[in-house]
């Protein structure tokens, strides 16, 4: 009896709480004025903004990715990988040929315009679901007019005596 009473009280409380919530506002697709948030969600971009610091410097970065089911990247890698990919001049993907080609096609399908080189390598059986992805950028403009001090190397002077001139060898035996 006590259990039934407690159960009915909890059920009534749940029903009362869920029944008091407001209905969600319906989006009027034909309305002339929409909220800013809705307009941002609906707008499609055909470019990826470039990072100014990455654009103006020479850099290289390496990421190891492991394919898991339908996913080529883990969630915590996704932003970093695409920031690098969209700001890189060249990408090299090392891994099993078919998997490396999947990664290349994935980058191209998601708007990466960098040159992508696939280097197939034979991996051990347990590592075939992994690839190494190397990102490179050499977009920084170098000032060719800047004078560079030449590196001067003095030649090594020839020894006056030969190394084994004494009867003892170098080790003293």
N, C-alpha and C. Protein backbone atom coordinates (compact mmCIF):
# COMPACT_ATOMS: atom_id res chain seq x y z
N UNK A 1 0.82 -1.19 0.00
CA UNK A 1 0.00 0.00 0.00
C UNK A 1 0.87 1.26 0.00
N UNK A 2 1.90 1.27 0.88
CA UNK A 2 2.80 2.43 0.93
C UNK A 2 3.50 2.66 -0.40
N UNK A 3 3.94 1.55 -1.04
CA UNK A 3 4.65 1.66 -2.31
C UNK A 3 3.72 2.22 -3.39
N UNK A 4 2.50 1.80 -3.39
CA UNK A 4 1.54 2.27 -4.38
C UNK A 4 1.25 3.75 -4.18
N UNK A 5 1.16 4.17 -2.91
CA UNK A 5 0.90 5.57 -2.60
C UNK A 5 2.07 6.44 -3.02
N UNK A 6 3.29 6.00 -2.74
CA UNK A 6 4.49 6.77 -3.12
C UNK A 6 4.60 6.84 -4.65
N UNK A 7 4.35 5.71 -5.30
CA UNK A 7 4.42 5.67 -6.76
C UNK A 7 3.41 6.62 -7.39
N UNK A 8 2.20 6.63 -6.89
CA UNK A 8 1.17 7.51 -7.46
C UNK A 8 1.49 8.97 -7.19
N UNK A 9 2.10 9.28 -6.04
CA UNK A 9 2.48 10.66 -5.74
C UNK A 9 3.58 11.13 -6.68
N UNK A 10 4.57 10.26 -6.92
CA UNK A 10 5.66 10.61 -7.84
C UNK A 10 5.13 10.77 -9.26
N UNK A 11 4.24 9.89 -9.69
CA UNK A 11 3.67 9.98 -11.03
C UNK A 11 2.86 11.26 -11.19
N UNK A 12 2.10 11.63 -10.17
CA UNK A 12 1.30 12.86 -10.23
C UNK A 12 2.21 14.08 -10.30
N UNK A 13 3.30 14.06 -9.53
CA UNK A 13 4.24 15.18 -9.55
C UNK A 13 4.90 15.31 -10.92
N UNK A 14 5.30 14.19 -11.51
CA UNK A 14 5.92 14.20 -12.84
C UNK A 14 4.95 14.73 -13.89
N UNK A 15 3.72 14.31 -13.80
CA UNK A 15 2.70 14.76 -14.74
C UNK A 15 2.45 16.25 -14.59
N UNK A 16 2.42 16.73 -13.36
CA UNK A 16 2.18 18.15 -13.11
C UNK A 16 3.34 18.99 -13.63
N UNK A 17 4.57 18.51 -13.41
CA UNK A 17 5.75 19.28 -13.85
C UNK A 17 5.82 19.32 -15.38
N UNK A 18 5.63 18.20 -16.01
CA UNK A 18 5.74 18.17 -17.47
C UNK A 18 4.55 18.83 -18.14
N UNK A 19 3.43 18.85 -17.50
CA UNK A 19 2.24 19.46 -18.08
C UNK A 19 2.26 20.97 -18.00
N UNK A 20 3.13 21.55 -17.17
CA UNK A 20 3.17 23.00 -16.99
C UNK A 20 4.09 23.70 -17.98
N UNK A 21 4.89 22.95 -18.70
CA UNK A 21 5.85 23.59 -19.60
C UNK A 21 5.13 24.19 -20.80
N UNK A 22 5.70 25.28 -21.32
CA UNK A 22 5.12 25.95 -22.47
C UNK A 22 5.46 25.18 -23.73
N UNK A 23 4.62 25.32 -24.69
CA UNK A 23 4.87 24.72 -26.00
C UNK A 23 5.99 25.51 -26.68
N UNK A 24 6.89 24.83 -27.42
CA UNK A 24 7.96 25.55 -28.11
C UNK A 24 7.40 26.45 -29.21
N UNK A 25 8.06 27.56 -29.43
CA UNK A 25 7.63 28.50 -30.45
C UNK A 25 7.91 27.90 -31.81
N UNK A 26 6.92 27.92 -32.66
CA UNK A 26 7.06 27.40 -34.01
C UNK A 26 7.73 28.45 -34.89
N UNK A 27 8.66 28.01 -35.72
CA UNK A 27 9.32 28.92 -36.65
C UNK A 27 8.40 29.15 -37.83
N UNK A 28 8.18 30.41 -38.13
CA UNK A 28 7.36 30.76 -39.28
C UNK A 28 8.29 30.93 -40.48
N UNK A 29 8.35 29.93 -41.31
CA UNK A 29 9.31 29.92 -42.41
C UNK A 29 8.99 30.98 -43.46
N UNK A 30 7.76 31.43 -43.55
CA UNK A 30 7.40 32.42 -44.56
C UNK A 30 7.38 33.83 -44.00
N UNK A 31 7.73 33.97 -42.73
CA UNK A 31 7.72 35.30 -42.11
C UNK A 31 8.86 36.14 -42.68
N UNK A 32 8.62 37.45 -42.79
CA UNK A 32 9.64 38.34 -43.34
C UNK A 32 10.72 38.66 -42.32
N UNK A 33 10.38 38.64 -41.06
CA UNK A 33 11.38 38.95 -40.04
C UNK A 33 11.65 37.69 -39.21
N UNK A 34 12.89 37.34 -39.16
CA UNK A 34 13.30 36.20 -38.34
C UNK A 34 14.32 36.69 -37.34
N UNK A 35 14.47 35.92 -36.30
CA UNK A 35 15.47 36.33 -35.31
C UNK A 35 16.87 36.17 -35.89
N UNK A 36 17.81 36.85 -35.32
CA UNK A 36 19.19 36.79 -35.81
C UNK A 36 19.73 35.37 -35.73
N UNK A 37 19.45 34.68 -34.64
CA UNK A 37 19.95 33.32 -34.47
C UNK A 37 19.45 32.40 -35.57
N UNK A 38 18.17 32.48 -35.89
CA UNK A 38 17.63 31.64 -36.95
C UNK A 38 18.29 31.96 -38.29
N UNK A 39 18.50 33.24 -38.56
CA UNK A 39 19.13 33.63 -39.82
C UNK A 39 20.56 33.10 -39.90
N UNK A 40 21.28 33.12 -38.79
CA UNK A 40 22.64 32.59 -38.79
C UNK A 40 22.66 31.09 -39.04
N UNK A 41 21.70 30.39 -38.47
CA UNK A 41 21.64 28.95 -38.66
C UNK A 41 21.30 28.57 -40.09
N UNK A 42 20.51 29.40 -40.73
CA UNK A 42 20.06 29.08 -42.08
C UNK A 42 21.05 29.49 -43.16
N UNK A 43 21.93 30.46 -42.85
CA UNK A 43 22.86 30.96 -43.85
C UNK A 43 23.97 29.94 -44.11
N UNK A 44 24.29 29.72 -45.36
CA UNK A 44 25.34 28.78 -45.75
C UNK A 44 26.56 29.57 -46.22
N UNK A 45 27.71 29.13 -45.79
CA UNK A 45 28.95 29.77 -46.20
C UNK A 45 29.70 28.84 -47.14
N UNK A 46 30.36 29.42 -48.13
CA UNK A 46 31.14 28.60 -49.06
C UNK A 46 32.64 28.77 -48.84
N UNK A 47 33.03 29.34 -47.71
CA UNK A 47 34.45 29.51 -47.41
C UNK A 47 34.66 29.27 -45.92
N UNK A 48 35.91 29.06 -45.57
CA UNK A 48 36.27 28.89 -44.17
C UNK A 48 37.19 30.05 -43.82
N UNK A 49 36.88 30.80 -42.76
CA UNK A 49 37.74 31.91 -42.39
C UNK A 49 39.14 31.40 -42.04
N UNK A 50 40.15 32.12 -42.49
CA UNK A 50 41.54 31.74 -42.24
C UNK A 50 42.02 32.38 -40.94
N UNK A 51 42.89 31.69 -40.25
CA UNK A 51 43.49 32.19 -39.03
C UNK A 51 44.66 33.10 -39.41
N UNK A 52 44.65 34.35 -38.92
CA UNK A 52 45.66 35.32 -39.32
C UNK A 52 47.06 34.87 -38.92
N UNK A 53 47.20 34.34 -37.72
CA UNK A 53 48.53 33.92 -37.25
C UNK A 53 49.05 32.75 -38.08
N UNK A 54 48.19 31.80 -38.39
CA UNK A 54 48.62 30.66 -39.20
C UNK A 54 48.90 31.08 -40.64
N UNK A 55 48.18 32.10 -41.10
CA UNK A 55 48.34 32.56 -42.48
C UNK A 55 49.68 33.27 -42.67
N UNK A 56 50.16 33.93 -41.64
CA UNK A 56 51.35 34.76 -41.78
C UNK A 56 52.63 34.10 -41.28
N UNK A 57 52.59 32.83 -40.96
CA UNK A 57 53.80 32.18 -40.46
C UNK A 57 54.00 30.82 -41.11
N UNK A 58 55.24 30.37 -41.08
CA UNK A 58 55.56 29.03 -41.56
C UNK A 58 55.41 28.07 -40.40
N UNK A 59 54.74 26.97 -40.62
CA UNK A 59 54.52 26.02 -39.53
C UNK A 59 54.31 24.62 -40.08
N UNK A 60 54.45 23.66 -39.19
CA UNK A 60 54.17 22.26 -39.50
C UNK A 60 53.54 21.64 -38.27
N UNK A 61 52.61 20.73 -38.47
CA UNK A 61 51.92 20.08 -37.35
C UNK A 61 51.57 18.65 -37.76
N UNK A 62 51.59 17.77 -36.80
CA UNK A 62 51.29 16.36 -37.07
C UNK A 62 50.19 15.88 -36.15
N UNK A 63 49.26 15.13 -36.71
CA UNK A 63 48.14 14.57 -35.95
C UNK A 63 48.05 13.08 -36.27
N UNK A 64 47.79 12.29 -35.25
CA UNK A 64 47.51 10.87 -35.48
C UNK A 64 46.02 10.66 -35.29
N UNK A 65 45.38 10.06 -36.28
CA UNK A 65 43.94 9.84 -36.22
C UNK A 65 43.65 8.35 -36.33
N UNK A 66 42.59 7.94 -35.67
CA UNK A 66 42.18 6.54 -35.70
C UNK A 66 40.72 6.47 -36.12
N UNK A 67 40.47 5.71 -37.17
CA UNK A 67 39.11 5.54 -37.66
C UNK A 67 38.36 4.58 -36.75
N UNK A 68 37.18 5.02 -36.31
CA UNK A 68 36.33 4.18 -35.45
C UNK A 68 34.94 4.14 -36.05
N UNK A 69 34.62 3.03 -36.67
CA UNK A 69 33.31 2.91 -37.31
C UNK A 69 33.19 3.87 -38.47
N UNK A 70 32.15 4.69 -38.45
CA UNK A 70 31.94 5.68 -39.51
C UNK A 70 32.70 6.98 -39.27
N UNK A 71 33.36 7.10 -38.13
CA UNK A 71 34.01 8.35 -37.75
C UNK A 71 35.51 8.29 -38.03
N UNK A 72 36.03 9.29 -38.72
CA UNK A 72 37.45 9.34 -39.02
C UNK A 72 38.24 10.08 -37.95
N UNK A 73 37.58 10.99 -37.22
CA UNK A 73 38.24 11.75 -36.17
C UNK A 73 37.42 11.66 -34.89
N UNK A 74 38.11 11.78 -33.76
CA UNK A 74 37.41 11.89 -32.49
C UNK A 74 36.86 13.31 -32.38
N UNK A 75 35.84 13.50 -31.58
CA UNK A 75 35.23 14.82 -31.44
C UNK A 75 36.23 15.87 -30.99
N UNK A 76 37.13 15.51 -30.06
CA UNK A 76 38.07 16.50 -29.54
C UNK A 76 39.16 16.85 -30.55
N UNK A 77 39.28 16.13 -31.65
CA UNK A 77 40.26 16.45 -32.69
C UNK A 77 39.67 17.28 -33.83
N UNK A 78 38.40 17.25 -33.99
CA UNK A 78 37.75 17.78 -35.19
C UNK A 78 38.08 19.25 -35.45
N UNK A 79 37.94 20.11 -34.46
CA UNK A 79 38.16 21.54 -34.67
C UNK A 79 39.62 21.81 -35.01
N UNK A 80 40.53 21.19 -34.26
CA UNK A 80 41.96 21.41 -34.50
C UNK A 80 42.35 20.94 -35.89
N UNK A 81 41.90 19.76 -36.27
CA UNK A 81 42.26 19.19 -37.57
C UNK A 81 41.78 20.07 -38.71
N UNK A 82 40.54 20.55 -38.64
CA UNK A 82 40.04 21.37 -39.74
C UNK A 82 40.60 22.78 -39.72
N UNK A 83 40.95 23.32 -38.56
CA UNK A 83 41.64 24.61 -38.52
C UNK A 83 42.98 24.48 -39.23
N UNK A 84 43.71 23.41 -38.93
CA UNK A 84 45.00 23.19 -39.59
C UNK A 84 44.81 22.92 -41.09
N UNK A 85 43.86 22.07 -41.43
CA UNK A 85 43.66 21.68 -42.82
C UNK A 85 43.29 22.87 -43.70
N UNK A 86 42.44 23.75 -43.21
CA UNK A 86 42.00 24.89 -44.01
C UNK A 86 43.05 25.99 -44.09
N UNK A 87 44.06 25.95 -43.22
CA UNK A 87 45.12 26.95 -43.26
C UNK A 87 46.42 26.40 -43.82
N UNK A 88 46.45 25.14 -44.19
CA UNK A 88 47.68 24.51 -44.69
C UNK A 88 47.82 24.69 -46.19
N UNK A 89 49.08 24.66 -46.66
CA UNK A 89 49.37 24.63 -48.09
C UNK A 89 49.46 23.20 -48.59
N UNK A 90 49.97 22.32 -47.72
CA UNK A 90 50.19 20.94 -48.12
C UNK A 90 49.86 20.03 -46.96
N UNK A 91 49.26 18.89 -47.28
CA UNK A 91 48.92 17.88 -46.29
C UNK A 91 49.46 16.55 -46.80
N UNK A 92 50.13 15.81 -45.92
CA UNK A 92 50.60 14.47 -46.26
C UNK A 92 49.91 13.49 -45.32
N UNK A 93 49.30 12.47 -45.89
CA UNK A 93 48.59 11.45 -45.10
C UNK A 93 49.34 10.13 -45.27
N UNK A 94 49.80 9.57 -44.15
CA UNK A 94 50.50 8.29 -44.14
C UNK A 94 49.60 7.24 -43.53
N UNK A 95 49.45 6.10 -44.20
CA UNK A 95 48.63 5.03 -43.66
C UNK A 95 48.32 4.00 -44.73
N UNK A 96 47.48 3.04 -44.37
CA UNK A 96 47.02 2.06 -45.35
C UNK A 96 46.37 2.80 -46.52
N UNK A 97 46.60 2.34 -47.73
CA UNK A 97 46.20 3.09 -48.92
C UNK A 97 44.71 3.45 -48.92
N UNK A 98 43.84 2.49 -48.72
CA UNK A 98 42.40 2.77 -48.80
C UNK A 98 41.95 3.73 -47.71
N UNK A 99 42.48 3.56 -46.50
CA UNK A 99 42.09 4.45 -45.41
C UNK A 99 42.64 5.86 -45.64
N UNK A 100 43.88 5.96 -46.10
CA UNK A 100 44.47 7.27 -46.38
C UNK A 100 43.68 7.99 -47.47
N UNK A 101 43.23 7.26 -48.47
CA UNK A 101 42.40 7.86 -49.53
C UNK A 101 41.05 8.32 -48.99
N UNK A 102 40.49 7.57 -48.03
CA UNK A 102 39.24 8.00 -47.39
C UNK A 102 39.43 9.34 -46.69
N UNK A 103 40.55 9.50 -45.97
CA UNK A 103 40.83 10.76 -45.29
C UNK A 103 40.99 11.89 -46.31
N UNK A 104 41.71 11.64 -47.41
CA UNK A 104 41.88 12.67 -48.44
C UNK A 104 40.53 13.08 -49.01
N UNK A 105 39.70 12.12 -49.34
CA UNK A 105 38.38 12.43 -49.90
C UNK A 105 37.51 13.18 -48.89
N UNK A 106 37.63 12.85 -47.62
CA UNK A 106 36.88 13.52 -46.57
C UNK A 106 37.29 14.99 -46.48
N UNK A 107 38.60 15.25 -46.53
CA UNK A 107 39.07 16.63 -46.51
C UNK A 107 38.56 17.40 -47.72
N UNK A 108 38.68 16.81 -48.90
CA UNK A 108 38.24 17.49 -50.13
C UNK A 108 36.74 17.76 -50.11
N UNK A 109 35.96 16.80 -49.61
CA UNK A 109 34.51 16.96 -49.55
C UNK A 109 34.10 18.05 -48.57
N UNK A 110 34.98 18.37 -47.62
CA UNK A 110 34.67 19.39 -46.62
C UNK A 110 35.41 20.70 -46.87
N UNK A 111 35.77 20.96 -48.12
CA UNK A 111 36.26 22.27 -48.52
C UNK A 111 37.73 22.54 -48.34
N UNK A 112 38.54 21.55 -48.05
CA UNK A 112 39.98 21.78 -47.90
C UNK A 112 40.58 21.92 -49.30
N UNK A 113 41.30 23.02 -49.52
CA UNK A 113 41.85 23.28 -50.86
C UNK A 113 43.35 23.04 -50.92
N UNK A 114 43.97 22.63 -49.84
CA UNK A 114 45.41 22.37 -49.82
C UNK A 114 45.74 21.16 -50.69
N UNK A 115 46.97 21.12 -51.18
CA UNK A 115 47.44 19.95 -51.91
C UNK A 115 47.56 18.80 -50.92
N UNK A 116 46.96 17.66 -51.23
CA UNK A 116 46.97 16.51 -50.32
C UNK A 116 47.70 15.36 -51.00
N UNK A 117 48.78 14.92 -50.35
CA UNK A 117 49.59 13.81 -50.84
C UNK A 117 49.31 12.59 -49.96
N UNK A 118 49.00 11.47 -50.59
CA UNK A 118 48.76 10.23 -49.85
C UNK A 118 49.98 9.34 -50.02
N UNK A 119 50.57 8.93 -48.89
CA UNK A 119 51.72 8.03 -48.89
C UNK A 119 51.30 6.71 -48.28
N UNK A 120 50.99 5.71 -49.09
CA UNK A 120 50.58 4.42 -48.54
C UNK A 120 51.76 3.74 -47.85
N UNK A 121 51.51 3.21 -46.67
CA UNK A 121 52.51 2.43 -45.93
C UNK A 121 51.85 1.17 -45.41
N UNK A 122 52.63 0.11 -45.30
CA UNK A 122 52.12 -1.14 -44.75
C UNK A 122 52.30 -1.10 -43.24
N UNK A 123 51.22 -1.21 -42.52
CA UNK A 123 51.25 -1.14 -41.07
C UNK A 123 50.99 -2.51 -40.47
N UNK A 124 51.38 -2.65 -39.20
CA UNK A 124 51.11 -3.89 -38.48
C UNK A 124 49.60 -4.07 -38.35
N UNK A 125 49.18 -5.28 -38.16
CA UNK A 125 47.75 -5.62 -38.17
C UNK A 125 46.93 -4.77 -37.21
N UNK A 126 47.39 -4.50 -36.02
CA UNK A 126 46.62 -3.73 -35.05
C UNK A 126 46.60 -2.23 -35.29
N UNK A 127 47.41 -1.76 -36.23
CA UNK A 127 47.52 -0.31 -36.47
C UNK A 127 46.92 0.12 -37.80
N UNK A 128 46.25 -0.76 -38.49
CA UNK A 128 45.75 -0.46 -39.84
C UNK A 128 44.61 0.55 -39.86
N UNK A 129 44.02 0.84 -38.71
CA UNK A 129 42.94 1.81 -38.66
C UNK A 129 43.44 3.21 -38.29
N UNK A 130 44.75 3.42 -38.33
CA UNK A 130 45.35 4.70 -37.95
C UNK A 130 46.08 5.34 -39.13
N UNK A 131 46.11 6.64 -39.11
CA UNK A 131 46.88 7.40 -40.09
C UNK A 131 47.61 8.52 -39.37
N UNK A 132 48.72 8.94 -39.96
CA UNK A 132 49.41 10.14 -39.51
C UNK A 132 49.14 11.20 -40.56
N UNK A 133 48.75 12.35 -40.10
CA UNK A 133 48.44 13.45 -41.01
C UNK A 133 49.38 14.60 -40.67
N UNK A 134 50.15 15.03 -41.65
CA UNK A 134 51.09 16.13 -41.45
C UNK A 134 50.61 17.34 -42.24
N UNK A 135 50.54 18.47 -41.57
CA UNK A 135 50.08 19.72 -42.16
C UNK A 135 51.27 20.66 -42.28
N UNK A 136 51.39 21.34 -43.42
CA UNK A 136 52.49 22.27 -43.65
C UNK A 136 51.96 23.58 -44.21
N UNK A 137 52.60 24.67 -43.81
CA UNK A 137 52.27 25.96 -44.39
C UNK A 137 53.55 26.76 -44.58
N UNK A 138 53.71 27.31 -45.75
CA UNK A 138 54.85 28.19 -46.03
C UNK A 138 54.34 29.47 -46.67
N UNK A 139 53.26 29.98 -46.11
CA UNK A 139 52.60 31.15 -46.69
C UNK A 139 53.28 32.46 -46.31
N UNK A 140 54.15 32.44 -45.33
CA UNK A 140 54.79 33.68 -44.91
C UNK A 140 55.67 34.19 -46.04
N UNK A 141 55.58 35.47 -46.30
CA UNK A 141 56.42 36.04 -47.36
C UNK A 141 57.75 36.44 -46.74
N UNK A 142 58.81 36.00 -47.37
CA UNK A 142 60.14 36.32 -46.88
C UNK A 142 60.64 37.55 -47.62
N UNK A 143 61.36 38.39 -46.92
CA UNK A 143 61.89 39.61 -47.51
C UNK A 143 63.19 39.24 -48.24
N UNK A 144 63.12 39.07 -49.55
CA UNK A 144 64.30 38.66 -50.32
C UNK A 144 65.34 39.76 -50.40
N UNK A 145 64.97 41.00 -50.17
CA UNK A 145 65.93 42.10 -50.25
C UNK A 145 66.76 42.24 -48.99
N UNK A 146 66.39 41.54 -47.96
CA UNK A 146 67.11 41.65 -46.69
C UNK A 146 68.48 41.00 -46.85
N UNK A 147 69.51 41.74 -46.42
CA UNK A 147 70.87 41.22 -46.55
C UNK A 147 71.13 40.19 -45.45
N UNK A 148 71.68 39.09 -45.86
CA UNK A 148 71.99 38.01 -44.92
C UNK A 148 73.49 37.90 -44.80
N UNK A 149 73.98 37.86 -43.57
CA UNK A 149 75.42 37.68 -43.38
C UNK A 149 75.81 36.27 -43.78
N UNK A 150 76.81 36.13 -44.64
CA UNK A 150 77.20 34.79 -45.06
C UNK A 150 77.88 34.04 -43.92
N UNK A 151 77.72 32.75 -43.92
CA UNK A 151 78.34 31.90 -42.92
C UNK A 151 79.75 31.58 -43.40
N UNK A 152 80.74 31.97 -42.61
CA UNK A 152 82.13 31.74 -42.99
C UNK A 152 82.67 30.60 -42.14
N UNK A 153 83.17 29.59 -42.80
CA UNK A 153 83.73 28.43 -42.10
C UNK A 153 85.21 28.37 -42.41
N UNK A 154 86.02 28.38 -41.35
CA UNK A 154 87.46 28.26 -41.53
C UNK A 154 87.81 26.80 -41.73
N UNK A 155 88.67 26.50 -42.70
CA UNK A 155 89.04 25.11 -42.90
C UNK A 155 89.83 24.57 -41.71
N UNK A 156 89.72 23.29 -41.49
CA UNK A 156 90.45 22.66 -40.39
C UNK A 156 91.91 22.61 -40.79
N UNK A 157 92.75 23.02 -39.85
CA UNK A 157 94.18 22.98 -40.13
C UNK A 157 94.67 21.54 -40.10
N UNK A 158 95.57 21.23 -41.01
CA UNK A 158 96.15 19.90 -41.06
C UNK A 158 97.07 19.72 -39.86
N UNK A 159 97.02 18.56 -39.19
CA UNK A 159 97.93 18.34 -38.07
C UNK A 159 99.37 18.26 -38.56
N UNK A 160 100.28 18.77 -37.73
CA UNK A 160 101.70 18.74 -38.12
C UNK A 160 102.27 17.34 -37.95
N UNK A 161 101.77 16.59 -36.98
CA UNK A 161 102.21 15.21 -36.78
C UNK A 161 101.04 14.29 -37.12
N UNK A 162 101.36 13.10 -37.54
CA UNK A 162 100.28 12.16 -37.78
C UNK A 162 99.73 11.68 -36.45
N UNK A 163 98.53 11.22 -36.43
CA UNK A 163 97.87 10.83 -35.19
C UNK A 163 98.59 9.67 -34.53
N UNK A 164 99.03 8.70 -35.26
CA UNK A 164 99.70 7.52 -34.70
C UNK A 164 101.21 7.62 -34.89
N UNK A 165 101.77 8.80 -34.63
CA UNK A 165 103.20 8.99 -34.85
C UNK A 165 104.04 8.29 -33.80
N UNK A 166 103.51 8.16 -32.60
CA UNK A 166 104.28 7.47 -31.56
C UNK A 166 104.10 5.97 -31.73
N UNK A 167 104.91 5.21 -31.02
CA UNK A 167 104.84 3.76 -31.12
C UNK A 167 103.61 3.23 -30.41
N UNK A 168 103.09 3.97 -29.43
CA UNK A 168 101.89 3.53 -28.73
C UNK A 168 100.68 3.93 -29.56
N UNK A 169 99.68 3.11 -29.51
CA UNK A 169 98.46 3.45 -30.21
C UNK A 169 97.66 4.45 -29.39
N UNK A 170 96.58 4.85 -29.91
CA UNK A 170 95.74 5.84 -29.25
C UNK A 170 95.28 5.33 -27.89
N UNK A 171 94.94 4.06 -27.77
CA UNK A 171 94.44 3.50 -26.52
C UNK A 171 95.55 3.14 -25.55
N UNK A 172 96.78 3.28 -25.93
CA UNK A 172 97.89 2.99 -25.03
C UNK A 172 98.28 1.53 -24.99
N UNK A 173 97.91 0.72 -25.90
CA UNK A 173 98.27 -0.70 -25.91
C UNK A 173 99.42 -0.96 -26.83
